Structure formats: C-alpha cells, structure tokens
C-alpha cells in the first residue's frame, strides 16, 4: 500500500511550521499571584484624607509648640531641599507654596496673637524666619507657630513617630515653648520710675522674668544702675523695690 503524501502547501501548511513561534507575547498581569514585595503598597493621597484636617491638641486656644524654632526651621528647610510633593497635589514644596499652606492653616485654625505687630505668615516673614539662627531665633514669628503646625500635621499624616527630643520637650515644656525671641525682647524703665505693668507677674506660660533685687529705696523708686537689658537694647533700671510705708505721722 503506497504511503500517503504529505501536503506542504495550502491551509494545512501552518501545521508543518519549522521555525519557532515568536517568544514575545502580550504580558498579562496575574493580580492574584502577584509578589507582594513588588506590588505598590502606597495608598493614594485621597484615601488618606487632607492633612490640613488633622486635629491637634490645644491649650487655652493655642497649639503648644514642643519643637523649638531651630527644629521647625530645619524641618521646613528639609521640605524645600528634598522637593517633595505637597500632599493632595502634584506641586512641589517651594517657599511660595509653603506660605500658601500656612495661610490656609491659619484660616482653618483659631486666631492667635502675634508679637512685633505681625499680621500672619507671609513671604517676607518666612524668609526672615529661615535666615534666623539660634534655638529660639525668630520664635516670635508667625511662621514659627504655623510652621510647627504644618510640620506636625505632616508628621502625623506620614505616620512618623515622635522623636526622643520631642518626647523630652513635652516633659520639660508641658505648655510648649514660649513664642518669643530673647534677642528682640525688651523691657524699658526710666530711672526713678516703677516697672511696667506685669513685669514681675507670670506670663501666659507660667514663666516669671528674673529681675535682680536691689537695696531698699524710698517710695519704691529705682535704686539701681541703668544698664542694657539685652545686647543693643535700651537702657533699663536693674532694681525696683516696693514703696516704704510712711511712718512719720505715727511719731506725732
């Protein structure tokens, strides 16, 4: 019986293909068996909410600042240097964007008093704050207060834990740092006059300014010398004592 001939042309020619098929094929992602190490586990920003809506504890209508001005300054500079993305947006941190975020936080927060007749965060105040040095340099700046709130809300939003210095500051300053800059704080008092009201009274944070005692003087006037209170500061009296009761009529 003759062997059947093999047909090498026509519609069945593909069955006798000699060359291998192309190795490239469309990749289909196996969502069920994907490796969790290679899977992007970062949640979208919209699932984490708006960081500005994070609530912070307050004391007497203010958020206590447990980071000093130098720490806040370092955190803000890091945001600008790293050029990270502002949460909820596609914009990078710039000084202009940072001022806008502080101003938005100010609108949503409680009004707080400022020193040096400041009116709130601005490009000028942020620039001056970032240029300052010292632990509490520019501590009276609005950008210190709102910069702390900004960095604190970002810390919570990113899920970062409190640092050891931060935990120590909460114990050392339970009411937060006093929002003042010692290099710009002045107290003037002319020779022979009484001290300004509240000079010997505790301030809002419970800190009593230290004033050196001087020998007793008549009528509670200044008996000390006139010296600068701070470098480049005005002349002030270094001693004041309460009035001495007049007992001259008691001898009559």
C-alpha atoms as a PDB file:
ATOM      1  CA  UNK A   1       0.000   0.000   0.000  1.00  0.00           C
ATOM      2  CA  UNK A   2       1.571   3.300  -1.069  1.00  0.00           C
ATOM      3  CA  UNK A   3       2.341   5.875   1.668  1.00  0.00           C
ATOM      4  CA  UNK A   4       0.176   8.937   1.850  1.00  0.00           C
ATOM      5  CA  UNK A   5       1.894  12.025   0.616  1.00  0.00           C
ATOM      6  CA  UNK A   6       2.389  14.924   2.995  1.00  0.00           C
ATOM      7  CA  UNK A   7       0.849  18.149   1.833  1.00  0.00           C
ATOM      8  CA  UNK A   8       3.143  21.139   2.372  1.00  0.00           C
ATOM      9  CA  UNK A   9       1.017  23.877   0.921  1.00  0.00           C
ATOM     10  CA  UNK A  10      -2.455  25.177   1.364  1.00  0.00           C
ATOM     11  CA  UNK A  11      -4.451  25.740   4.524  1.00  0.00           C
ATOM     12  CA  UNK A  12      -2.691  22.968   6.431  1.00  0.00           C
ATOM     13  CA  UNK A  13       0.796  24.239   5.732  1.00  0.00           C
ATOM     14  CA  UNK A  14       0.894  26.024   9.094  1.00  0.00           C
ATOM     15  CA  UNK A  15       0.865  22.651  10.868  1.00  0.00           C
ATOM     16  CA  UNK A  16       4.300  21.863   9.416  1.00  0.00           C
ATOM     17  CA  UNK A  17       5.946  25.108  10.623  1.00  0.00           C
ATOM     18  CA  UNK A  18       9.689  24.654  11.056  1.00  0.00           C
ATOM     19  CA  UNK A  19      10.667  27.985  12.645  1.00  0.00           C
ATOM     20  CA  UNK A  20       9.644  28.531  16.295  1.00  0.00           C
ATOM     21  CA  UNK A  21       6.942  30.985  17.187  1.00  0.00           C
ATOM     22  CA  UNK A  22       7.979  34.397  18.409  1.00  0.00           C
ATOM     23  CA  UNK A  23       8.930  34.460  22.083  1.00  0.00           C
ATOM     24  CA  UNK A  24       7.303  37.847  22.612  1.00  0.00           C
ATOM     25  CA  UNK A  25       3.737  37.624  23.775  1.00  0.00           C
ATOM     26  CA  UNK A  26       1.445  40.070  25.480  1.00  0.00           C
ATOM     27  CA  UNK A  27       2.048  40.135  29.204  1.00  0.00           C
ATOM     28  CA  UNK A  28      -0.998  39.518  31.334  1.00  0.00           C
ATOM     29  CA  UNK A  29      -0.700  40.609  34.953  1.00  0.00           C
ATOM     30  CA  UNK A  30      -1.652  37.906  37.383  1.00  0.00           C
ATOM     31  CA  UNK A  31      -3.309  40.005  40.058  1.00  0.00           C
ATOM     32  CA  UNK A  32      -3.982  37.006  42.302  1.00  0.00           C
ATOM     33  CA  UNK A  33      -0.433  35.624  42.319  1.00  0.00           C
ATOM     34  CA  UNK A  34       1.483  38.903  42.230  1.00  0.00           C
ATOM     35  CA  UNK A  35       4.514  39.106  44.510  1.00  0.00           C
ATOM     36  CA  UNK A  36       3.626  41.373  47.462  1.00  0.00           C
ATOM     37  CA  UNK A  37       7.239  42.632  47.583  1.00  0.00           C
ATOM     38  CA  UNK A  38       6.966  44.060  44.081  1.00  0.00           C
ATOM     39  CA  UNK A  39       3.427  45.334  44.491  1.00  0.00           C
ATOM     40  CA  UNK A  40       2.996  49.053  45.127  1.00  0.00           C
ATOM     41  CA  UNK A  41       1.562  49.219  48.624  1.00  0.00           C
ATOM     42  CA  UNK A  42       1.446  53.029  48.850  1.00  0.00           C
ATOM     43  CA  UNK A  43      -2.081  54.263  49.307  1.00  0.00           C
ATOM     44  CA  UNK A  44      -3.258  57.143  47.156  1.00  0.00           C
ATOM     45  CA  UNK A  45      -3.319  60.518  48.874  1.00  0.00           C
ATOM     46  CA  UNK A  46      -7.085  60.808  48.510  1.00  0.00           C
ATOM     47  CA  UNK A  47      -7.521  57.677  50.645  1.00  0.00           C
ATOM     48  CA  UNK A  48      -5.518  59.252  53.480  1.00  0.00           C
ATOM     49  CA  UNK A  49      -7.581  62.432  53.621  1.00  0.00           C
ATOM     50  CA  UNK A  50      -6.498  66.044  53.745  1.00  0.00           C
ATOM     51  CA  UNK A  51      -3.547  66.547  56.062  1.00  0.00           C
ATOM     52  CA  UNK A  52      -4.842  70.027  56.884  1.00  0.00           C
ATOM     53  CA  UNK A  53      -7.891  68.475  58.582  1.00  0.00           C
ATOM     54  CA  UNK A  54      -5.777  66.679  61.184  1.00  0.00           C
ATOM     55  CA  UNK A  55      -6.723  67.961  64.643  1.00  0.00           C
ATOM     56  CA  UNK A  56      -4.025  68.961  67.144  1.00  0.00           C
ATOM     57  CA  UNK A  57      -4.461  69.375  70.889  1.00  0.00           C
ATOM     58  CA  UNK A  58      -4.692  72.935  72.147  1.00  0.00           C
ATOM     59  CA  UNK A  59      -4.013  74.689  75.436  1.00  0.00           C
ATOM     60  CA  UNK A  60      -6.005  77.875  76.030  1.00  0.00           C
ATOM     61  CA  UNK A  61      -6.866  78.211  72.349  1.00  0.00           C
ATOM     62  CA  UNK A  62      -3.308  77.632  71.074  1.00  0.00           C
ATOM     63  CA  UNK A  63      -1.410  74.593  69.855  1.00  0.00           C
ATOM     64  CA  UNK A  64       1.596  74.155  72.189  1.00  0.00           C
ATOM     65  CA  UNK A  65       4.866  74.224  70.231  1.00  0.00           C
ATOM     66  CA  UNK A  66       7.021  71.385  71.540  1.00  0.00           C
ATOM     67  CA  UNK A  67       9.651  71.878  68.831  1.00  0.00           C
ATOM     68  CA  UNK A  68      11.872  74.920  69.238  1.00  0.00           C
ATOM     69  CA  UNK A  69      12.319  77.387  66.392  1.00  0.00           C
ATOM     70  CA  UNK A  70      15.570  75.772  65.221  1.00  0.00           C
ATOM     71  CA  UNK A  71      13.868  72.371  64.857  1.00  0.00           C
ATOM     72  CA  UNK A  72      10.921  73.832  62.940  1.00  0.00           C
ATOM     73  CA  UNK A  73      13.343  75.726  60.723  1.00  0.00           C
ATOM     74  CA  UNK A  74      15.265  72.520  59.971  1.00  0.00           C
ATOM     75  CA  UNK A  75      12.071  70.634  59.068  1.00  0.00           C
ATOM     76  CA  UNK A  76      10.856  73.373  56.741  1.00  0.00           C
ATOM     77  CA  UNK A  77      14.232  73.602  55.018  1.00  0.00           C
ATOM     78  CA  UNK A  78      14.215  69.827  54.508  1.00  0.00           C
ATOM     79  CA  UNK A  79      10.870  70.052  52.701  1.00  0.00           C
ATOM     80  CA  UNK A  80      12.311  72.702  50.397  1.00  0.00           C
ATOM     81  CA  UNK A  81      15.577  70.841  49.809  1.00  0.00           C
ATOM     82  CA  UNK A  82      14.014  67.423  49.153  1.00  0.00           C
ATOM     83  CA  UNK A  83      11.476  68.994  46.758  1.00  0.00           C
ATOM     84  CA  UNK A  84       8.842  66.569  47.957  1.00  0.00           C
ATOM     85  CA  UNK A  85       5.244  66.753  46.794  1.00  0.00           C
ATOM     86  CA  UNK A  86       2.611  68.638  48.765  1.00  0.00           C
ATOM     87  CA  UNK A  87       0.031  66.064  49.922  1.00  0.00           C
ATOM     88  CA  UNK A  88      -3.092  66.077  47.804  1.00  0.00           C
ATOM     89  CA  UNK A  89      -1.463  67.990  44.969  1.00  0.00           C
ATOM     90  CA  UNK A  90       1.115  67.491  42.237  1.00  0.00           C
ATOM     91  CA  UNK A  91       3.102  70.566  43.277  1.00  0.00           C
ATOM     92  CA  UNK A  92       6.480  70.564  44.969  1.00  0.00           C
ATOM     93  CA  UNK A  93       7.310  72.457  48.104  1.00  0.00           C
ATOM     94  CA  UNK A  94       8.562  75.976  47.453  1.00  0.00           C
ATOM     95  CA  UNK A  95       8.655  78.992  49.734  1.00  0.00           C
ATOM     96  CA  UNK A  96       5.629  80.450  47.952  1.00  0.00           C
ATOM     97  CA  UNK A  97       3.716  77.174  48.294  1.00  0.00           C
ATOM     98  CA  UNK A  98       4.747  76.887  51.932  1.00  0.00           C
ATOM     99  CA  UNK A  99       3.423  80.364  52.705  1.00  0.00           C
ATOM    100  CA  UNK A 100       0.138  79.475  50.956  1.00  0.00           C
ATOM    101  CA  UNK A 101      -0.193  76.304  53.058  1.00  0.00           C
ATOM    102  CA  UNK A 102       0.493  78.237  56.283  1.00  0.00           C
ATOM    103  CA  UNK A 103      -2.079  80.837  55.338  1.00  0.00           C
ATOM    104  CA  UNK A 104      -4.631  78.094  54.670  1.00  0.00           C
ATOM    105  CA  UNK A 105      -3.900  76.553  58.069  1.00  0.00           C
ATOM    106  CA  UNK A 106      -4.316  79.977  59.653  1.00  0.00           C
ATOM    107  CA  UNK A 107      -7.756  80.332  58.058  1.00  0.00           C
ATOM    108  CA  UNK A 108      -8.843  76.960  59.391  1.00  0.00           C
ATOM    109  CA  UNK A 109      -7.327  77.421  62.853  1.00  0.00           C
ATOM    110  CA  UNK A 110      -8.023  79.657  65.817  1.00  0.00           C
ATOM    111  CA  UNK A 111      -6.656  83.198  65.756  1.00  0.00           C
ATOM    112  CA  UNK A 112      -3.573  83.664  67.915  1.00  0.00           C
ATOM    113  CA  UNK A 113      -1.785  86.852  68.969  1.00  0.00           C
ATOM    114  CA  UNK A 114       1.495  87.767  67.275  1.00  0.00           C
ATOM    115  CA  UNK A 115       4.409  89.793  68.551  1.00  0.00           C
ATOM    116  CA  UNK A 116       6.164  92.664  66.808  1.00  0.00           C
ATOM    117  CA  UNK A 117       2.886  93.750  65.147  1.00  0.00           C
ATOM    118  CA  UNK A 118       2.998  90.768  62.788  1.00  0.00           C
ATOM    119  CA  UNK A 119      -0.126  90.045  60.746  1.00  0.00           C
ATOM    120  CA  UNK A 120       0.408  86.394  59.824  1.00  0.00           C
ATOM    121  CA  UNK A 121       2.531  84.178  57.579  1.00  0.00           C
ATOM    122  CA  UNK A 122       3.957  85.955  54.541  1.00  0.00           C
ATOM    123  CA  UNK A 123       6.807  85.534  52.076  1.00  0.00           C
ATOM    124  CA  UNK A 124       8.839  88.127  53.961  1.00  0.00           C
ATOM    125  CA  UNK A 125       8.257  86.620  57.402  1.00  0.00           C
ATOM    126  CA  UNK A 126       9.076  83.110  56.140  1.00  0.00           C
ATOM    127  CA  UNK A 127      12.285  84.336  54.528  1.00  0.00           C
ATOM    128  CA  UNK A 128      13.341  86.065  57.745  1.00  0.00           C
ATOM    129  CA  UNK A 129      12.436  83.020  59.811  1.00  0.00           C
ATOM    130  CA  UNK A 130      14.509  80.668  57.653  1.00  0.00           C
ATOM    131  CA  UNK A 131      17.513  83.016  57.837  1.00  0.00           C
ATOM    132  CA  UNK A 132      17.470  83.273  61.627  1.00  0.00           C
ATOM    133  CA  UNK A 133      19.750  81.201  63.842  1.00  0.00           C
ATOM    134  CA  UNK A 134      19.643  80.040  67.416  1.00  0.00           C
ATOM    135  CA  UNK A 135      17.380  77.731  69.333  1.00  0.00           C
ATOM    136  CA  UNK A 136      14.543  80.242  69.559  1.00  0.00           C
ATOM    137  CA  UNK A 137      15.668  82.681  66.879  1.00  0.00           C
ATOM    138  CA  UNK A 138      12.534  84.274  65.365  1.00  0.00           C
ATOM    139  CA  UNK A 139      10.465  82.453  67.952  1.00  0.00           C
ATOM    140  CA  UNK A 140       8.044  85.383  67.851  1.00  0.00           C
ATOM    141  CA  UNK A 141       7.450  84.953  64.103  1.00  0.00           C
ATOM    142  CA  UNK A 142       4.053  83.743  62.851  1.00  0.00           C
ATOM    143  CA  UNK A 143       5.981  81.280  60.673  1.00  0.00           C
ATOM    144  CA  UNK A 144       7.306  79.585  63.802  1.00  0.00           C
ATOM    145  CA  UNK A 145       3.805  78.844  65.075  1.00  0.00           C
ATOM    146  CA  UNK A 146       2.212  77.869  61.759  1.00  0.00           C
ATOM    147  CA  UNK A 147       5.405  76.185  60.596  1.00  0.00           C
ATOM    148  CA  UNK A 148       5.226  73.959  63.666  1.00  0.00           C
ATOM    149  CA  UNK A 149       1.582  73.140  62.964  1.00  0.00           C
ATOM    150  CA  UNK A 150       2.444  72.409  59.330  1.00  0.00           C
ATOM    151  CA  UNK A 151       5.302  70.054  60.212  1.00  0.00           C
ATOM    152  CA  UNK A 152       3.320  68.378  62.989  1.00  0.00           C
ATOM    153  CA  UNK A 153       0.351  67.624  60.748  1.00  0.00           C
ATOM    154  CA  UNK A 154       2.679  66.275  58.066  1.00  0.00           C
ATOM    155  CA  UNK A 155       4.339  64.057  60.672  1.00  0.00           C
ATOM    156  CA  UNK A 156       1.005  62.564  61.679  1.00  0.00           C
ATOM    157  CA  UNK A 157      -0.166  62.286  58.056  1.00  0.00           C
ATOM    158  CA  UNK A 158       3.022  60.405  57.107  1.00  0.00           C
ATOM    159  CA  UNK A 159       2.712  58.118  60.121  1.00  0.00           C
ATOM    160  CA  UNK A 160       6.056  59.168  61.635  1.00  0.00           C
ATOM    161  CA  UNK A 161       6.657  58.634  65.343  1.00  0.00           C
ATOM    162  CA  UNK A 162       7.734  61.333  67.773  1.00  0.00           C
ATOM    163  CA  UNK A 163      11.485  61.667  68.189  1.00  0.00           C
ATOM    164  CA  UNK A 164      13.219  61.313  71.559  1.00  0.00           C
ATOM    165  CA  UNK A 165      13.990  65.068  71.751  1.00  0.00           C
ATOM    166  CA  UNK A 166      10.325  65.744  71.070  1.00  0.00           C
ATOM    167  CA  UNK A 167       9.180  63.437  73.877  1.00  0.00           C
ATOM    168  CA  UNK A 168      11.713  65.050  76.203  1.00  0.00           C
ATOM    169  CA  UNK A 169      10.434  68.524  75.275  1.00  0.00           C
ATOM    170  CA  UNK A 170       6.883  67.512  76.166  1.00  0.00           C
ATOM    171  CA  UNK A 171       8.068  66.672  79.676  1.00  0.00           C
ATOM    172  CA  UNK A 172      10.278  69.735  80.036  1.00  0.00           C
ATOM    173  CA  UNK A 173       7.795  72.188  78.489  1.00  0.00           C
ATOM    174  CA  UNK A 174       4.289  70.797  79.168  1.00  0.00           C
ATOM    175  CA  UNK A 175       2.768  74.045  77.933  1.00  0.00           C
ATOM    176  CA  UNK A 176       5.033  74.303  74.913  1.00  0.00           C
ATOM    177  CA  UNK A 177       7.866  76.728  74.188  1.00  0.00           C
ATOM    178  CA  UNK A 178       7.225  80.421  74.778  1.00  0.00           C
ATOM    179  CA  UNK A 179       6.815  82.014  71.361  1.00  0.00           C
ATOM    180  CA  UNK A 180       9.426  84.693  71.950  1.00  0.00           C
ATOM    181  CA  UNK A 181      12.868  85.634  70.687  1.00  0.00           C
ATOM    182  CA  UNK A 182      15.091  86.734  73.564  1.00  0.00           C
ATOM    183  CA  UNK A 183      17.297  88.754  71.231  1.00  0.00           C
ATOM    184  CA  UNK A 184      14.401  91.069  70.365  1.00  0.00           C
ATOM    185  CA  UNK A 185      12.572  91.175  73.709  1.00  0.00           C
ATOM    186  CA  UNK A 186      12.967  94.477  75.552  1.00  0.00           C
ATOM    187  CA  UNK A 187      11.702  95.960  78.827  1.00  0.00           C
ATOM    188  CA  UNK A 188      12.383  99.656  79.292  1.00  0.00           C
ATOM    189  CA  UNK A 189      12.060 101.537  82.580  1.00  0.00           C
ATOM    190  CA  UNK A 190      13.423 105.036  83.275  1.00  0.00           C
ATOM    191  CA  UNK A 191      15.477 105.791  86.360  1.00  0.00           C
ATOM    192  CA  UNK A 192      13.266 106.759  89.271  1.00  0.00           C
ATOM    193  CA  UNK A 193      10.148 105.147  87.837  1.00  0.00           C
ATOM    194  CA  UNK A 194       8.175 101.956  88.520  1.00  0.00           C
ATOM    195  CA  UNK A 195       8.445  98.864  86.325  1.00  0.00           C
ATOM    196  CA  UNK A 196       5.953  98.321  83.519  1.00  0.00           C
ATOM    197  CA  UNK A 197       2.715  96.535  84.479  1.00  0.00           C
ATOM    198  CA  UNK A 198       3.119  92.785  84.706  1.00  0.00           C
ATOM    199  CA  UNK A 199       6.919  92.854  84.680  1.00  0.00           C
ATOM    200  CA  UNK A 200       7.037  90.712  87.842  1.00  0.00           C
ATOM    201  CA  UNK A 201       3.917  88.690  87.074  1.00  0.00           C
ATOM    202  CA  UNK A 202       3.949  85.199  85.486  1.00  0.00           C
ATOM    203  CA  UNK A 203       3.241  85.291  81.799  1.00  0.00           C
ATOM    204  CA  UNK A 204       0.829  83.059  79.879  1.00  0.00           C
ATOM    205  CA  UNK A 205       3.228  80.093  80.064  1.00  0.00           C
ATOM    206  CA  UNK A 206       3.865  80.429  83.800  1.00  0.00           C
ATOM    207  CA  UNK A 207       7.376  81.839  83.423  1.00  0.00           C
ATOM    208  CA  UNK A 208       8.325  84.713  85.730  1.00  0.00           C
ATOM    209  CA  UNK A 209      11.013  87.045  84.318  1.00  0.00           C
ATOM    210  CA  UNK A 210      14.048  87.135  86.579  1.00  0.00           C
ATOM    211  CA  UNK A 211      14.800  90.592  87.924  1.00  0.00           C
ATOM    212  CA  UNK A 212      17.779  91.152  90.269  1.00  0.00           C
ATOM    213  CA  UNK A 213      16.903  92.554  93.701  1.00  0.00           C
ATOM    214  CA  UNK A 214      18.352  95.865  94.843  1.00  0.00           C
ATOM    215  CA  UNK A 215      18.673  97.614  98.238  1.00  0.00           C
ATOM    216  CA  UNK A 216      15.541  99.179  99.698  1.00  0.00           C
ATOM    217  CA  UNK A 217      14.783 102.650  98.396  1.00  0.00           C
ATOM    218  CA  UNK A 218      12.238 105.347  99.281  1.00  0.00           C
ATOM    219  CA  UNK A 219       8.826 105.322  97.664  1.00  0.00           C
ATOM    220  CA  UNK A 220       9.657 102.225  95.689  1.00  0.00           C
ATOM    221  CA  UNK A 221      11.685 104.070  93.098  1.00  0.00           C
ATOM    222  CA  UNK A 222      14.519 102.685  91.073  1.00  0.00           C
ATOM    223  CA  UNK A 223      17.697 102.485  93.150  1.00  0.00           C
ATOM    224  CA  UNK A 224      19.860 100.508  90.762  1.00  0.00           C
ATOM    225  CA  UNK A 225      22.057 101.411  87.866  1.00  0.00           C
ATOM    226  CA  UNK A 226      20.941 101.869  84.283  1.00  0.00           C
ATOM    227  CA  UNK A 227      22.303  99.110  82.021  1.00  0.00           C
ATOM    228  CA  UNK A 228      21.235  97.496  78.731  1.00  0.00           C
ATOM    229  CA  UNK A 229      18.802  94.639  79.318  1.00  0.00           C
ATOM    230  CA  UNK A 230      19.910  92.837  76.164  1.00  0.00           C
ATOM    231  CA  UNK A 231      22.682  93.431  73.617  1.00  0.00           C
ATOM    232  CA  UNK A 232      21.829  96.521  71.577  1.00  0.00           C
ATOM    233  CA  UNK A 233      18.846  97.063  73.885  1.00  0.00           C
ATOM    234  CA  UNK A 234      17.589 100.230  75.572  1.00  0.00           C
ATOM    235  CA  UNK A 235      18.733 101.375  78.972  1.00  0.00           C
ATOM    236  CA  UNK A 236      16.666  99.961  81.815  1.00  0.00           C
ATOM    237  CA  UNK A 237      16.662 100.068  85.579  1.00  0.00           C
ATOM    238  CA  UNK A 238      18.074  96.930  87.172  1.00  0.00           C
ATOM    239  CA  UNK A 239      16.400  97.305  90.532  1.00  0.00           C
ATOM    240  CA  UNK A 240      12.951  98.167  91.894  1.00  0.00           C
ATOM    241  CA  UNK A 241      11.534  97.748  95.398  1.00  0.00           C
ATOM    242  CA  UNK A 242       8.014  98.261  96.772  1.00  0.00           C
ATOM    243  CA  UNK A 243       7.163 101.612  98.392  1.00  0.00           C
ATOM    244  CA  UNK A 244       8.233 102.073 102.030  1.00  0.00           C
ATOM    245  CA  UNK A 245       5.279 102.832 104.344  1.00  0.00           C
ATOM    246  CA  UNK A 246       5.422 106.421 105.609  1.00  0.00           C
ATOM    247  CA  UNK A 247       5.540 106.198 109.406  1.00  0.00           C
ATOM    248  CA  UNK A 248       6.396 109.868 110.076  1.00  0.00           C
ATOM    249  CA  UNK A 249       2.827 110.683 111.208  1.00  0.00           C
ATOM    250  CA  UNK A 250       2.856 107.797 113.663  1.00  0.00           C
ATOM    251  CA  UNK A 251       5.525 109.553 115.764  1.00  0.00           C
ATOM    252  CA  UNK A 252       3.338 112.634 116.371  1.00  0.00           C
END
